Amino acid sequence: MNKKLTKIFTIVGVLFLANACTNLEEKVLDESFSTTVSEKDAANGVIAPVYALLPTIYQHTTYFALQEITSDEAILPYRGGTDWGDNGIYIELHKHTYTSNNANVRNTWNPLVQALSRCVTAISALPTMSDPNAKTYLAEAIGMKAFYNMMILDLYGIVFKKEDPGQVSEILRGPEAVEYLISELQRAEPNLLNKAAVGTGRLTKAGAWGLLARLYLNAGVYRDRYATNFDLKASDMDQVISYCDKIIASNEYKLSNDYFSIFGDKNRDNSEIIFAVDQRPELNGHNRMAYFSLSGDQFPLPAFPAANGTDGPAITSDFYRTWVEANEGGDPTKDPRFYQENLKIYSTGVDTCVAGADFKINRGILRGQQYGLIRVNGVFLKCADGKFKVGPLTNLTRNRPDKKVIFTEKVDFTPEGSDYPTGYRVEKYEFSAASNTGRNRGDADIIIVRLADVHLMRAEAQLRKNNAAAALTDVNVVRSARTLTKPAAPLSNITLDLLFRERGFEFYWEMLRRTDMVRFNKFEGTWTEKDNNDKNKRIFPIPQTAIDGASNLVGYLVQNPGY
């Protein structure tokens, strides 16, 4: 037993060598473990690292940056000429001028390949273990290896095939990569459990079905990344429909009647979420999505005067205009996904007094003059009755009390367009009540797959098979589901362009946009501060550090075209 557990935990106690990441090699950190560790603890210790890097991958500056800042939804200018400059890496992403030395590209790659390494380690160790959970854990490790590889394929155009930690990974591209990932997810699926048994933070049977549907939906893109027109085969669309049918027919999930509760501080038990990143603080999960876009003068929590926004990304005026167009030039707030008013906007100029327990900032896409708690010298102002004073915000934190926090539609990379107030902001995920700085303790689980996406993936597959009636039904099922407020009006017809627009409304800020734009042949388009139409930018370069780290293997890592 002692020798067995020592071997197991030698495998568990590893870290990936960042500059040798493409070889998926591992380094032993500690071989000294107690002989009293149970088989259950040993199995738990093997599977935990498989999921541990998900919060790092889904940080606002890693996967989010690659999926959203590169798209027509989000833009992150050099705020005020002092903030978020970062040597131009976010400007490069948005303008599609990124190179193999871009820090966001590298910092997303590194945890992905490290997570792959941990999956291979778990797959090697779990078959030798007698704990009853080991069979399920093995399926999860196989499925998660496929998921991480799927992300790498989508982002970087390659897949690492490996079963034994002692092997050098085989690199797959194109059709071979797609078929391998399909086979791996199908291999994992029979032994996965349902959500009731494991929760949202682990891969379930429905989670694997959702990933398979997503994989088949994009398979035509992945088989030929540079095609003028992607071959989105009817047989692939049949598989999308089949896997979506399985999820819907399971009756394990239902669309939430409250759109913003899906992204709430306590969304772990939300009925719509199929697979998500577990963000409990004790698991080192710090969802920063809520603070990323807010103004530095927006303070959402009366209990924490240090918790504010950072004046990060905004939506582009191009994306905003799609909402206006969909509402025939009217106010987009008719769509309950656009905005949720929790704090009444007081336009009289008279300050309002609010009890701390009643103060809650607005959600969704924020426009115009912002109102909230006013902090002076590190303390929130209060009214004579002891309640918190709420009024129009100014840039007090930047020593500019004369400058109002008014979010404007126009945002770009000019000095005027990149000033602190420019651009409509996004507060989709709720600001965690436990986050004393805004940069930590973000409790909301970050969504990977949810039921609305299942319906809209099935709608797209039906539409690509020329079954517009079935597609329209799925789209309107989602639009009509948000009954806590008045739901969005049903559409009378559906086209691919309308479906693309609908996916933008439903999934903005959820790290799906770049993938959608590529599949809908819109990624080479023109929008605010972006006119590069180079199709090589559909995938990112392999980081130069990774290529350098594999230089001892001649011809092993070949850079993607155009970099």
Protein backbone atom coordinates (compact mmCIF):
# COMPACT_ATOMS: atom_id res chain seq x y z
CA MET A 1 0.00 0.00 0.00
CA ASN A 2 2.79 2.41 0.92
CA LYS A 3 4.61 1.95 -2.39
CA LYS A 4 1.33 2.21 -4.32
CA LEU A 5 0.26 5.48 -2.70
CA THR A 6 3.76 6.92 -2.98
CA LYS A 7 3.62 6.28 -6.71
CA ILE A 8 0.12 7.77 -6.99
CA PHE A 9 0.98 10.94 -5.13
CA THR A 10 4.27 11.31 -6.92
CA ILE A 11 2.09 11.63 -10.01
CA VAL A 12 -0.40 13.94 -8.29
CA GLY A 13 2.25 16.28 -6.90
CA VAL A 14 3.46 17.66 -10.20
CA LEU A 15 3.60 20.95 -11.97
CA PHE A 16 3.92 21.54 -15.66
CA LEU A 17 7.18 22.97 -16.97
CA ALA A 18 6.04 26.16 -18.69
CA ASN A 19 8.94 26.36 -21.13
CA ALA A 20 8.55 22.72 -22.12
CA CYS A 21 4.78 22.82 -22.28
CA THR A 22 4.35 21.32 -25.70
CA ASN A 23 5.99 18.06 -24.59
CA LEU A 24 3.48 17.75 -21.75
CA GLU A 25 6.32 16.70 -19.45
CA GLU A 26 6.04 16.85 -15.68
CA LYS A 27 8.30 17.56 -12.75
CA VAL A 28 8.00 15.79 -9.39
CA LEU A 29 7.66 18.24 -6.50
CA ASP A 30 7.18 15.94 -3.51
CA GLU A 31 7.28 12.21 -2.99
CA SER A 32 6.73 12.11 0.77
CA PHE A 33 3.16 11.15 1.70
CA SER A 34 1.61 9.41 4.65
CA THR A 35 0.68 5.73 4.42
CA THR A 36 -2.62 6.49 6.14
CA VAL A 37 -4.19 8.18 3.12
CA SER A 38 -7.36 6.31 2.11
CA GLU A 39 -8.17 5.13 -1.39
CA LYS A 40 -10.99 7.68 -1.47
CA ASP A 41 -8.65 10.53 -0.60
CA ALA A 42 -6.14 9.27 -3.13
CA ALA A 43 -8.76 9.22 -5.90
CA ASN A 44 -9.99 12.70 -4.93
CA GLY A 45 -6.40 13.91 -4.95
CA VAL A 46 -5.93 12.67 -8.50
CA ILE A 47 -9.11 14.17 -9.99
CA ALA A 48 -8.95 17.57 -8.25
CA PRO A 49 -6.00 18.90 -10.32
CA VAL A 50 -7.91 18.08 -13.51
CA TYR A 51 -10.31 20.95 -12.73
CA ALA A 52 -8.04 23.22 -10.69
CA LEU A 53 -6.87 25.45 -13.54
CA LEU A 54 -10.32 26.24 -14.96
CA PRO A 55 -10.56 29.51 -12.98
CA THR A 56 -7.18 30.58 -14.37
CA ILE A 57 -8.18 29.71 -17.94
CA TYR A 58 -11.45 31.62 -17.59
CA GLN A 59 -9.91 34.76 -16.10
CA HIS A 60 -10.88 38.09 -17.61
CA THR A 61 -7.39 38.56 -19.05
CA THR A 62 -6.99 35.09 -20.58
CA TYR A 63 -9.78 33.21 -22.38
CA PHE A 64 -12.19 36.15 -22.12
CA ALA A 65 -9.65 38.45 -23.77
CA LEU A 66 -9.12 36.07 -26.69
CA GLN A 67 -12.79 35.34 -27.22
CA GLU A 68 -14.33 38.78 -26.64
CA ILE A 69 -11.76 41.55 -27.13
CA THR A 70 -10.99 40.15 -30.60
CA SER A 71 -14.67 40.36 -31.55
CA ASP A 72 -17.18 43.06 -32.46
CA GLU A 73 -18.66 42.87 -28.95
CA ALA A 74 -15.85 44.19 -26.77
CA ILE A 75 -13.11 46.79 -26.91
CA LEU A 76 -10.49 47.69 -24.28
CA PRO A 77 -8.78 51.00 -25.06
CA TYR A 78 -5.80 52.55 -23.30
CA ARG A 79 -7.96 54.19 -20.64
CA GLY A 80 -7.04 57.82 -20.12
CA GLY A 81 -3.59 57.10 -21.49
CA THR A 82 -2.61 55.45 -18.20
CA ASP A 83 -4.72 52.31 -17.59
CA TRP A 84 -4.90 49.02 -19.48
CA GLY A 85 -2.13 50.01 -21.86
CA ASP A 86 -0.19 46.82 -21.14
CA ASN A 87 2.18 47.37 -24.07
CA GLY A 88 -0.74 47.40 -26.47
CA ILE A 89 -1.73 43.75 -26.06
CA TYR A 90 -5.48 44.46 -25.87
CA ILE A 91 -5.31 46.87 -28.80
CA GLU A 92 -3.49 44.15 -30.78
CA LEU A 93 -6.23 41.67 -29.99
CA HIS A 94 -9.00 43.99 -31.08
CA LYS A 95 -7.23 45.17 -34.24
CA HIS A 96 -6.21 41.58 -35.16
CA THR A 97 -2.53 42.45 -35.20
CA TYR A 98 -1.55 39.97 -32.47
CA THR A 99 1.69 38.02 -32.76
CA SER A 100 3.26 34.97 -31.15
CA ASN A 101 4.60 37.18 -28.35
CA ASN A 102 1.23 38.54 -27.21
CA ALA A 103 0.92 38.01 -23.46
CA ASN A 104 -2.80 37.14 -23.56
CA VAL A 105 -2.15 34.50 -26.21
CA ARG A 106 0.65 33.00 -24.12
CA ASN A 107 -1.15 33.23 -20.78
CA THR A 108 -4.16 31.36 -22.14
CA TRP A 109 -2.03 28.67 -23.76
CA ASN A 110 0.03 27.88 -20.66
CA PRO A 111 -2.76 26.82 -18.26
CA LEU A 112 -4.53 24.92 -21.05
CA VAL A 113 -1.55 22.69 -21.78
CA GLN A 114 -0.81 22.37 -18.08
CA ALA A 115 -4.39 21.21 -17.50
CA LEU A 116 -3.93 18.68 -20.32
CA SER A 117 -0.88 17.32 -18.54
CA ARG A 118 -2.87 16.89 -15.34
CA CYS A 119 -5.57 14.99 -17.23
CA VAL A 120 -2.98 12.60 -18.67
CA THR A 121 -1.59 12.07 -15.18
CA ALA A 122 -5.04 11.26 -13.83
CA ILE A 123 -5.83 8.91 -16.72
CA SER A 124 -2.62 7.04 -15.97
CA ALA A 125 -3.25 6.76 -12.22
CA LEU A 126 -6.99 6.13 -11.86
CA PRO A 127 -7.21 2.63 -13.42
CA THR A 128 -4.97 1.28 -10.62
CA MET A 129 -7.23 2.62 -7.86
CA SER A 130 -9.92 0.65 -6.04
CA ASP A 131 -12.10 3.52 -4.86
CA PRO A 132 -15.66 3.21 -6.29
CA ASN A 133 -15.42 6.75 -7.69
CA ALA A 134 -12.33 5.94 -9.75
CA LYS A 135 -14.37 4.79 -12.78
CA THR A 136 -16.33 8.04 -12.87
CA TYR A 137 -13.21 10.10 -12.24
CA LEU A 138 -11.47 8.36 -15.14
CA ALA A 139 -14.35 9.28 -17.45
CA GLU A 140 -14.17 12.88 -16.24
CA ALA A 141 -10.41 13.03 -16.82
CA ILE A 142 -10.84 11.67 -20.35
CA GLY A 143 -13.67 14.11 -21.06
CA MET A 144 -11.80 17.07 -19.62
CA LYS A 145 -8.73 16.19 -21.66
CA ALA A 146 -10.96 16.34 -24.71
CA PHE A 147 -12.45 19.66 -23.54
CA TYR A 148 -9.07 21.33 -23.02
CA ASN A 149 -7.90 19.99 -26.37
CA MET A 150 -11.10 21.31 -27.94
CA MET A 151 -10.31 24.77 -26.62
CA ILE A 152 -6.74 24.52 -27.92
CA LEU A 153 -8.05 23.42 -31.32
CA ASP A 154 -10.49 26.31 -31.45
CA LEU A 155 -7.89 28.87 -30.37
CA TYR A 156 -4.62 27.56 -31.80
CA GLY A 157 -5.60 25.00 -34.44
CA ILE A 158 -3.91 21.93 -32.93
CA VAL A 159 -4.66 19.02 -30.61
CA PHE A 160 -2.29 17.05 -28.39
CA LYS A 161 -2.85 13.29 -28.45
CA LYS A 162 -1.35 11.52 -25.47
CA GLU A 163 -2.26 8.72 -23.04
CA ASP A 164 0.97 8.00 -21.16
CA PRO A 165 2.82 10.68 -19.14
CA GLY A 166 6.08 9.26 -20.46
CA GLN A 167 5.17 9.84 -24.09
CA VAL A 168 5.72 12.88 -26.25
CA SER A 169 2.35 14.13 -27.49
CA GLU A 170 1.36 13.57 -31.07
CA ILE A 171 0.10 16.78 -32.68
CA LEU A 172 -3.10 16.58 -34.71
CA ARG A 173 -4.66 19.13 -37.01
CA GLY A 174 -7.74 19.38 -39.21
CA PRO A 175 -10.05 16.37 -39.75
CA GLU A 176 -7.83 14.05 -37.72
CA ALA A 177 -8.05 16.36 -34.71
CA VAL A 178 -11.85 16.58 -34.97
CA GLU A 179 -12.33 12.81 -35.16
CA TYR A 180 -10.00 12.27 -32.21
CA LEU A 181 -11.91 14.71 -30.00
CA ILE A 182 -15.25 13.17 -30.96
CA SER A 183 -13.96 9.72 -30.08
CA GLU A 184 -12.59 10.93 -26.73
CA LEU A 185 -15.83 12.59 -25.64
CA GLN A 186 -17.78 9.53 -26.75
CA ARG A 187 -15.35 7.34 -24.83
CA ALA A 188 -15.94 9.35 -21.67
CA GLU A 189 -19.72 9.77 -21.89
CA PRO A 190 -21.01 6.31 -20.77
CA ASN A 191 -19.38 6.52 -17.33
CA LEU A 192 -20.19 10.15 -16.57
CA LEU A 193 -22.89 10.96 -14.01
CA ASN A 194 -25.70 13.50 -14.07
CA LYS A 195 -25.72 16.96 -12.52
CA ALA A 196 -27.68 15.88 -9.45
CA ALA A 197 -24.83 13.53 -8.54
CA VAL A 198 -21.85 15.83 -9.12
CA GLY A 199 -23.01 19.47 -9.45
CA THR A 200 -22.13 22.08 -12.08
CA GLY A 201 -18.39 22.21 -11.45
CA ARG A 202 -17.65 18.73 -12.80
CA LEU A 203 -18.18 17.24 -16.24
CA THR A 204 -21.48 15.38 -16.48
CA LYS A 205 -23.13 13.23 -19.12
CA ALA A 206 -25.17 16.23 -20.31
CA GLY A 207 -22.02 18.34 -20.23
CA ALA A 208 -20.33 15.90 -22.60
CA TRP A 209 -23.40 15.96 -24.86
CA GLY A 210 -23.25 19.76 -24.92
CA LEU A 211 -19.55 19.73 -25.81
CA LEU A 212 -20.17 17.16 -28.55
CA ALA A 213 -22.94 19.34 -29.98
CA ARG A 214 -20.59 22.33 -29.94
CA LEU A 215 -17.81 20.28 -31.51
CA TYR A 216 -20.00 18.99 -34.34
CA LEU A 217 -21.40 22.49 -34.92
CA ASN A 218 -17.88 23.82 -35.49
CA ALA A 219 -16.41 20.70 -37.10
CA GLY A 220 -16.53 22.16 -40.60
CA VAL A 221 -14.48 25.12 -39.37
CA TYR A 222 -11.94 22.95 -37.59
CA ARG A 223 -11.44 20.65 -40.59
CA ASP A 224 -10.41 23.55 -42.83
CA ARG A 225 -9.68 26.76 -40.93
CA TYR A 226 -8.94 28.86 -44.00
CA ALA A 227 -11.83 27.85 -46.27
CA THR A 228 -13.71 30.58 -48.11
CA ASN A 229 -16.94 28.79 -47.20
CA PHE A 230 -16.94 26.23 -44.40
CA ASP A 231 -18.34 22.80 -45.20
CA LEU A 232 -20.87 22.55 -42.38
CA LYS A 233 -22.12 19.11 -43.33
CA ALA A 234 -25.69 17.96 -42.90
CA SER A 235 -24.38 14.84 -41.15
CA ASP A 236 -22.63 17.05 -38.58
CA MET A 237 -25.81 19.06 -38.08
CA ASP A 238 -27.71 15.81 -37.50
CA GLN A 239 -25.30 15.03 -34.67
CA VAL A 240 -25.78 18.51 -33.20
CA ILE A 241 -29.53 17.97 -33.18
CA SER A 242 -29.19 14.50 -31.71
CA TYR A 243 -27.02 15.58 -28.76
CA CYS A 244 -29.15 18.65 -28.09
CA ASP A 245 -32.24 16.42 -28.14
CA LYS A 246 -30.66 14.20 -25.48
CA ILE A 247 -30.10 17.15 -23.14
CA ILE A 248 -33.55 18.62 -23.62
CA ALA A 249 -35.28 15.22 -23.33
CA SER A 250 -33.44 14.48 -20.07
CA ASN A 251 -35.62 17.10 -18.33
CA GLU A 252 -32.69 17.71 -16.02
CA TYR A 253 -32.45 21.37 -16.98
CA LYS A 254 -34.90 24.19 -17.60
CA LEU A 255 -34.58 27.72 -18.91
CA SER A 256 -34.45 30.30 -16.14
CA ASN A 257 -37.34 32.76 -16.01
CA ASP A 258 -34.91 35.38 -14.65
CA TYR A 259 -32.12 36.02 -17.15
CA PHE A 260 -29.72 37.73 -14.78
CA SER A 261 -30.07 35.10 -12.08
CA ILE A 262 -28.15 32.79 -14.42
CA PHE A 263 -25.13 35.00 -13.71
CA GLY A 264 -25.96 35.75 -10.10
CA ASP A 265 -23.72 35.65 -7.08
CA LYS A 266 -25.28 32.33 -6.05
CA ASN A 267 -25.92 30.72 -9.42
CA ARG A 268 -24.54 27.29 -8.51
CA ASP A 269 -28.00 25.73 -8.38
CA ASN A 270 -29.48 27.58 -11.36
CA SER A 271 -31.56 25.15 -13.40
CA GLU A 272 -30.23 26.37 -16.74
CA ILE A 273 -26.54 25.77 -16.12
CA ILE A 274 -25.20 22.47 -17.45
CA PHE A 275 -21.44 22.89 -16.96
CA ALA A 276 -19.61 25.76 -15.27
CA VAL A 277 -16.36 26.79 -13.63
CA ASP A 278 -16.71 26.29 -9.88
CA GLN A 279 -15.79 29.68 -8.39
CA ARG A 280 -16.06 29.02 -4.66
CA PRO A 281 -13.37 31.14 -2.98
CA GLU A 282 -12.07 28.19 -0.98
CA LEU A 283 -11.24 26.55 -4.34
CA ASN A 284 -9.28 29.63 -5.40
CA GLY A 285 -12.03 30.74 -7.74
CA HIS A 286 -12.14 34.50 -8.10
CA ASN A 287 -14.57 35.54 -10.82
CA ARG A 288 -13.53 39.07 -11.81
CA MET A 289 -16.07 39.51 -14.58
CA ALA A 290 -18.26 41.81 -12.47
CA TYR A 291 -15.56 44.37 -11.74
CA PHE A 292 -13.83 44.32 -15.13
CA SER A 293 -16.08 46.74 -17.02
CA LEU A 294 -17.35 49.01 -14.22
CA SER A 295 -16.03 52.50 -13.57
CA GLY A 296 -13.42 52.98 -10.89
CA ASP A 297 -16.01 55.26 -9.24
CA GLN A 298 -18.69 52.60 -9.05
CA PHE A 299 -18.80 50.93 -5.64
CA PRO A 300 -21.39 48.14 -5.58
CA LEU A 301 -21.09 47.11 -1.91
CA PRO A 302 -21.85 49.41 1.03
CA ALA A 303 -19.86 47.08 3.32
CA PHE A 304 -16.64 47.39 1.29
CA PRO A 305 -15.39 50.89 0.34
CA ALA A 306 -12.39 49.33 -1.43
CA ALA A 307 -14.50 47.25 -3.84
CA ASN A 308 -14.90 49.11 -7.13
CA GLY A 309 -14.57 48.70 -10.87
CA THR A 310 -11.50 49.13 -13.03
CA ASP A 311 -12.72 50.98 -16.17
CA GLY A 312 -11.94 48.03 -18.41
CA PRO A 313 -13.69 46.91 -21.59
CA ALA A 314 -16.87 48.32 -23.07
CA ILE A 315 -19.14 47.10 -25.83
CA THR A 316 -18.54 48.58 -29.26
CA SER A 317 -21.06 50.95 -30.77
CA ASP A 318 -21.40 48.38 -33.57
CA PHE A 319 -22.70 45.75 -31.16
CA TYR A 320 -24.96 48.24 -29.40
CA ARG A 321 -26.49 49.23 -32.72
CA THR A 322 -27.57 45.63 -33.36
CA TRP A 323 -29.79 45.90 -30.26
CA VAL A 324 -31.26 49.18 -31.51
CA GLU A 325 -31.86 47.71 -34.96
CA ALA A 326 -33.58 44.66 -33.46
CA ASN A 327 -35.95 46.99 -31.63
CA GLU A 328 -36.73 48.98 -34.77
CA GLY A 329 -34.75 51.97 -33.54
CA GLY A 330 -36.35 51.90 -30.11
CA ASP A 331 -34.98 51.36 -26.64
CA PRO A 332 -33.23 47.97 -26.27
CA THR A 333 -34.46 47.67 -22.68
CA LYS A 334 -37.55 46.05 -24.18
CA ASP A 335 -35.38 42.94 -24.25
CA PRO A 336 -34.96 41.64 -20.66
CA ARG A 337 -31.46 40.41 -21.50
CA PHE A 338 -30.22 43.93 -22.19
CA TYR A 339 -30.75 45.56 -18.81
CA GLN A 340 -32.07 45.04 -15.31
CA GLU A 341 -32.76 48.09 -13.21
CA ASN A 342 -32.13 47.49 -9.53
CA LEU A 343 -31.30 51.10 -8.63
CA LYS A 344 -33.68 53.75 -9.88
CA ILE A 345 -31.96 56.51 -11.82
CA TYR A 346 -32.65 59.86 -10.18
CA SER A 347 -32.51 62.56 -12.82
CA THR A 348 -33.73 65.41 -10.60
CA GLY A 349 -30.25 66.09 -9.26
CA VAL A 350 -31.46 65.55 -5.70
CA ASP A 351 -29.44 63.06 -3.69
CA THR A 352 -31.28 60.03 -2.43
CA CYS A 353 -30.78 58.14 0.83
CA VAL A 354 -30.76 54.33 0.67
CA ALA A 355 -30.34 51.69 3.37
CA GLY A 356 -27.28 49.53 2.83
CA ALA A 357 -29.37 46.37 2.67
CA ASP A 358 -31.44 47.88 -0.16
CA PHE A 359 -28.58 49.12 -2.30
CA LYS A 360 -27.98 47.07 -5.43
CA ILE A 361 -26.41 48.22 -8.69
CA ASN A 362 -28.00 47.76 -12.08
CA ARG A 363 -27.13 44.83 -14.33
CA GLY A 364 -26.70 44.25 -18.03
CA ILE A 365 -25.52 46.99 -20.39
CA LEU A 366 -25.09 50.29 -18.55
CA ARG A 367 -25.52 53.60 -20.38
CA GLY A 368 -25.46 57.30 -19.56
CA GLN A 369 -25.00 58.99 -16.19
CA GLN A 370 -24.26 56.48 -13.46
CA TYR A 371 -25.61 56.82 -9.93
CA GLY A 372 -24.34 55.14 -6.82
CA LEU A 373 -22.51 55.37 -3.52
CA ILE A 374 -20.22 58.38 -3.27
CA ARG A 375 -16.85 57.72 -1.65
CA VAL A 376 -14.80 60.63 -0.31
CA ASN A 377 -11.45 59.99 1.38
CA GLY A 378 -12.15 56.28 1.54
CA VAL A 379 -15.55 56.64 3.24
CA PHE A 380 -19.06 56.55 1.78
CA LEU A 381 -21.11 59.68 2.33
CA LYS A 382 -24.22 59.27 4.46
CA CYS A 383 -27.43 61.17 4.96
CA ALA A 384 -28.55 62.66 8.27
CA ASP A 385 -30.61 59.54 8.98
CA GLY A 386 -27.54 57.30 8.67
CA LYS A 387 -28.51 55.84 5.32
CA PHE A 388 -26.10 55.88 2.39
CA LYS A 389 -26.18 58.87 0.07
CA VAL A 390 -26.76 57.90 -3.56
CA GLY A 391 -26.19 60.45 -6.29
CA PRO A 392 -24.65 61.08 -9.71
CA LEU A 393 -21.09 59.76 -9.84
CA THR A 394 -18.00 61.72 -10.79
CA ASN A 395 -14.36 60.69 -11.17
CA LEU A 396 -13.51 61.36 -7.53
CA THR A 397 -11.10 58.42 -7.40
CA ARG A 398 -9.08 60.09 -10.14
CA ASN A 399 -9.19 63.49 -8.45
CA ARG A 400 -11.52 64.79 -11.13
CA PRO A 401 -14.77 65.61 -9.31
CA ASP A 402 -15.68 67.87 -12.24
CA LYS A 403 -15.77 64.91 -14.62
CA LYS A 404 -19.00 62.91 -14.54
CA VAL A 405 -19.25 59.16 -14.92
CA ILE A 406 -21.38 59.20 -18.04
CA PHE A 407 -21.02 56.12 -20.22
CA THR A 408 -21.19 57.13 -23.87
CA GLU A 409 -21.89 55.06 -26.95
CA LYS A 410 -18.71 56.11 -28.73
CA VAL A 411 -15.53 54.30 -27.73
CA ASP A 412 -12.39 53.85 -29.78
CA PHE A 413 -8.60 54.17 -29.57
CA THR A 414 -8.44 57.96 -30.01
CA PRO A 415 -7.59 60.00 -26.89
CA GLU A 416 -11.18 61.20 -26.74
CA GLY A 417 -12.68 57.78 -27.39
CA SER A 418 -10.51 56.00 -24.83
CA ASP A 419 -11.17 58.33 -21.92
CA TYR A 420 -12.48 56.75 -18.71
CA PRO A 421 -16.23 57.27 -19.28
CA THR A 422 -16.35 56.10 -22.92
CA GLY A 423 -18.29 53.07 -24.01
CA TYR A 424 -21.37 51.38 -22.62
CA ARG A 425 -20.36 48.96 -19.89
CA VAL A 426 -21.37 45.41 -19.03
CA GLU A 427 -22.40 44.18 -15.58
CA LYS A 428 -23.71 40.76 -16.59
CA TYR A 429 -22.22 38.72 -13.75
CA GLU A 430 -23.32 39.95 -10.33
CA PHE A 431 -20.76 41.72 -8.15
CA SER A 432 -20.14 39.23 -5.34
CA ALA A 433 -21.37 40.30 -1.91
CA ALA A 434 -18.23 38.73 -0.40
CA SER A 435 -15.73 40.55 -2.62
CA ASN A 436 -14.08 43.15 -0.39
CA THR A 437 -11.88 44.42 -3.25
CA GLY A 438 -13.77 43.42 -6.39
CA ARG A 439 -10.67 41.51 -7.45
CA ASN A 440 -11.28 38.50 -5.23
CA ARG A 441 -14.00 36.21 -3.88
CA GLY A 442 -16.17 36.40 -6.98
CA ASP A 443 -18.64 33.64 -6.20
CA ALA A 444 -20.64 33.38 -9.43
CA ASP A 445 -19.77 30.23 -11.39
CA ILE A 446 -18.62 31.07 -14.92
CA ILE A 447 -20.78 29.30 -17.46
CA ILE A 448 -19.33 26.89 -20.00
CA VAL A 449 -22.56 25.28 -21.29
CA ARG A 450 -26.16 26.25 -20.52
CA LEU A 451 -29.53 25.17 -21.83
CA ALA A 452 -30.18 28.29 -23.93
CA ASP A 453 -27.08 27.45 -25.96
CA VAL A 454 -28.40 23.93 -26.47
CA HIS A 455 -31.61 25.34 -27.94
CA LEU A 456 -29.77 27.83 -30.15
CA MET A 457 -27.21 25.26 -31.31
CA ARG A 458 -30.10 23.01 -32.31
CA ALA A 459 -31.78 25.97 -34.02
CA GLU A 460 -28.65 26.69 -36.02
CA ALA A 461 -28.26 23.04 -37.04
CA GLN A 462 -31.89 22.93 -38.16
CA LEU A 463 -31.50 26.18 -40.08
CA ARG A 464 -28.37 24.94 -41.84
CA LYS A 465 -30.46 21.92 -42.88
CA ASN A 466 -33.10 24.32 -44.26
CA ASN A 467 -35.62 23.58 -41.52
CA ALA A 468 -36.42 27.18 -40.65
CA ALA A 469 -39.66 26.36 -38.83
CA ALA A 470 -37.92 24.12 -36.28
CA ALA A 471 -35.14 26.68 -35.89
CA LEU A 472 -37.60 29.49 -35.25
CA THR A 473 -39.36 27.42 -32.58
CA ASP A 474 -36.13 26.93 -30.62
CA VAL A 475 -35.19 30.60 -30.90
CA ASN A 476 -38.59 31.72 -29.62
CA VAL A 477 -38.52 29.18 -26.79
CA VAL A 478 -35.45 30.97 -25.47
CA ARG A 479 -36.82 34.47 -26.10
CA SER A 480 -40.08 33.69 -24.31
CA ALA A 481 -38.49 32.01 -21.28
CA ARG A 482 -37.55 35.16 -19.32
CA THR A 483 -40.96 35.70 -17.78
CA LEU A 484 -39.87 37.37 -14.53
CA THR A 485 -40.16 40.57 -16.55
CA LYS A 486 -41.83 40.98 -19.91
CA PRO A 487 -40.07 38.52 -22.25
CA ALA A 488 -38.63 39.48 -25.60
CA ALA A 489 -41.21 39.46 -28.36
CA PRO A 490 -41.17 36.35 -30.55
CA LEU A 491 -39.50 36.55 -33.95
CA SER A 492 -41.68 35.97 -37.00
CA ASN A 493 -38.88 34.59 -39.17
CA ILE A 494 -35.30 33.42 -38.85
CA THR A 495 -32.21 33.60 -41.08
CA LEU A 496 -28.58 32.87 -40.37
CA ASP A 497 -27.90 36.59 -39.92
CA LEU A 498 -30.79 36.91 -37.47
CA LEU A 499 -29.64 33.82 -35.60
CA PHE A 500 -26.12 35.22 -35.32
CA ARG A 501 -27.60 38.43 -33.94
CA GLU A 502 -29.75 36.45 -31.52
CA ARG A 503 -26.72 34.57 -30.22
CA GLY A 504 -25.10 37.93 -29.55
CA PHE A 505 -28.07 39.07 -27.48
CA GLU A 506 -28.25 35.86 -25.48
CA PHE A 507 -24.54 35.16 -24.95
CA TYR A 508 -22.76 38.53 -24.89
CA TRP A 509 -19.73 38.53 -22.57
CA GLU A 510 -19.89 34.68 -22.29
CA MET A 511 -16.75 33.94 -24.32
CA LEU A 512 -18.52 32.47 -27.35
CA ARG A 513 -18.39 35.45 -29.71
CA ARG A 514 -15.10 34.88 -31.55
CA THR A 515 -15.99 31.24 -32.26
CA ASP A 516 -19.44 32.29 -33.48
CA MET A 517 -18.01 35.03 -35.70
CA VAL A 518 -15.62 32.63 -37.39
CA ARG A 519 -18.34 30.03 -38.00
CA PHE A 520 -20.74 32.66 -39.41
CA ASN A 521 -17.99 34.08 -41.69
CA LYS A 522 -17.99 37.45 -39.95
CA PHE A 523 -14.57 37.48 -38.30
CA GLU A 524 -12.91 39.20 -41.27
CA GLY A 525 -15.47 42.00 -41.12
CA THR A 526 -15.00 45.64 -40.18
CA TRP A 527 -16.06 47.22 -36.91
CA THR A 528 -14.83 49.90 -34.50
CA GLU A 529 -11.03 50.16 -34.78
CA LYS A 530 -10.80 46.89 -36.72
CA ASP A 531 -10.45 46.57 -40.50
CA ASN A 532 -7.95 43.70 -40.79
CA ASN A 533 -9.47 40.97 -42.98
CA ASP A 534 -6.58 38.48 -42.75
CA LYS A 535 -8.13 35.00 -42.52
CA ASN A 536 -4.99 33.76 -40.74
CA LYS A 537 -6.28 35.59 -37.66
CA ARG A 538 -9.09 33.06 -37.33
CA ILE A 539 -6.71 31.19 -35.07
CA PHE A 540 -4.01 32.51 -32.79
CA PRO A 541 -0.30 31.93 -33.15
CA ILE A 542 1.34 29.23 -31.08
CA PRO A 543 3.25 31.23 -28.42
CA GLN A 544 6.90 31.72 -29.25
CA THR A 545 7.84 30.50 -25.78
CA ALA A 546 6.19 27.15 -26.56
CA ILE A 547 8.01 26.81 -29.87
CA ASP A 548 11.30 27.70 -28.20
CA GLY A 549 10.62 25.16 -25.45
CA ALA A 550 10.15 22.41 -28.02
CA SER A 551 13.16 23.39 -30.12
CA ASN A 552 14.97 20.18 -29.17
CA LEU A 553 12.33 18.26 -31.18
CA VAL A 554 12.96 19.30 -34.76
CA GLY A 555 9.75 19.97 -36.68
CA TYR A 556 7.57 19.15 -33.66
CA LEU A 557 5.73 22.46 -33.30
CA VAL A 558 5.04 24.22 -36.58
CA GLN A 559 3.78 27.79 -36.32
CA ASN A 560 0.37 28.57 -37.78
CA PRO A 561 0.29 30.31 -41.20
CA GLY A 562 0.71 34.07 -41.20
CA TYR A 563 2.76 34.33 -37.99
